Amino acid sequence: MTPFLIRRFWSTVENTQASLLLKLDDAALVQCLMGQVGPQTLTDRGQADALQHYIVSRLSLIRDLAQQRLGEYKVS
């Protein structure tokens, strides 16, 4: 995966509502994030497969970050 794709992915995670990231099951969350990164960014099937594998391997981190963001909003 390219650095651009990784940055784009994490930007997408940050810009997605934390509550949505937490309520979706694994498969739906992967599809949601893949769809938001967008076909214009994924230039070939290999990139799409690599991104999907990357997302699956980071689901716990994604949910931890979303939970942290929700906690910050409640404190404010």
Protein backbone atom coordinates (compact mmCIF):
# COMPACT_ATOMS: atom_id res chain seq x y z
CA MET A 1 0.00 0.00 0.00
CA THR A 2 1.16 3.48 -0.76
CA PRO A 3 1.64 6.14 1.93
CA PHE A 4 -1.07 8.18 0.16
CA LEU A 5 -3.58 5.34 0.53
CA ILE A 6 -2.74 4.84 4.20
CA ARG A 7 -3.13 8.57 4.92
CA ARG A 8 -6.39 8.66 2.99
CA PHE A 9 -7.69 5.68 4.93
CA TRP A 10 -6.89 7.11 8.37
CA SER A 11 -8.32 10.47 7.36
CA THR A 12 -11.50 8.65 6.41
CA VAL A 13 -11.59 6.93 9.80
CA GLU A 14 -11.18 10.28 11.58
CA ASN A 15 -13.92 11.88 9.50
CA THR A 16 -16.42 9.07 10.05
CA GLN A 17 -18.77 9.46 13.00
CA ALA A 18 -17.46 7.52 15.97
CA SER A 19 -20.90 6.14 16.76
CA LEU A 20 -21.14 4.66 13.27
CA LEU A 21 -17.72 3.02 13.59
CA LEU A 22 -18.83 1.40 16.83
CA LYS A 23 -22.28 0.19 15.82
CA LEU A 24 -21.33 -1.65 12.61
CA ASP A 25 -20.29 -5.30 12.69
CA ASP A 26 -16.90 -6.23 11.26
CA ALA A 27 -18.04 -6.94 7.70
CA ALA A 28 -20.21 -3.81 7.50
CA LEU A 29 -17.44 -1.64 8.92
CA VAL A 30 -14.95 -2.93 6.37
CA GLN A 31 -17.41 -2.29 3.53
CA CYS A 32 -18.29 1.17 4.87
CA LEU A 33 -14.66 2.26 5.05
CA MET A 34 -13.79 0.70 1.68
CA GLY A 35 -16.70 2.58 0.12
CA GLN A 36 -15.66 5.87 1.70
CA VAL A 37 -12.06 5.59 0.55
CA GLY A 38 -13.61 5.22 -2.85
CA PRO A 39 -13.01 3.54 -6.17
CA GLN A 40 -11.24 6.62 -7.51
CA THR A 41 -8.47 6.05 -4.95
CA LEU A 42 -8.19 2.29 -5.45
CA THR A 43 -6.67 2.00 -8.90
CA ASP A 44 -6.52 -1.79 -9.11
CA ARG A 45 -7.83 -4.95 -7.46
CA GLY A 46 -4.51 -5.52 -5.69
CA GLN A 47 -4.80 -2.17 -3.90
CA ALA A 48 -8.38 -2.93 -2.91
CA ASP A 49 -7.39 -6.33 -1.53
CA ALA A 50 -4.44 -4.84 0.37
CA LEU A 51 -6.65 -2.13 1.87
CA GLN A 52 -9.30 -4.63 2.88
CA HIS A 53 -6.70 -6.79 4.62
CA TYR A 54 -5.25 -3.68 6.30
CA ILE A 55 -8.70 -2.64 7.60
CA VAL A 56 -9.48 -6.12 8.94
CA SER A 57 -6.16 -6.21 10.75
CA ARG A 58 -6.86 -2.84 12.38
CA LEU A 59 -10.54 -3.20 13.38
CA SER A 60 -9.73 -3.19 17.10
CA LEU A 61 -7.64 -0.04 16.75
CA ILE A 62 -10.37 1.67 14.71
CA ARG A 63 -12.95 0.89 17.38
CA ASP A 64 -10.60 1.93 20.20
CA LEU A 65 -10.04 5.30 18.52
CA ALA A 66 -13.79 5.75 17.97
CA GLN A 67 -14.49 4.90 21.60
CA GLN A 68 -11.85 7.40 22.70
CA ARG A 69 -13.43 10.10 20.53
CA LEU A 70 -16.85 9.42 22.03
CA GLY A 71 -15.37 9.68 25.52
CA GLU A 72 -13.79 13.04 24.67
CA TYR A 73 -17.13 14.39 23.45
CA LYS A 74 -18.88 13.35 26.67
CA VAL A 75 -16.26 15.08 28.86
CA SER A 76 -16.42 18.37 26.93
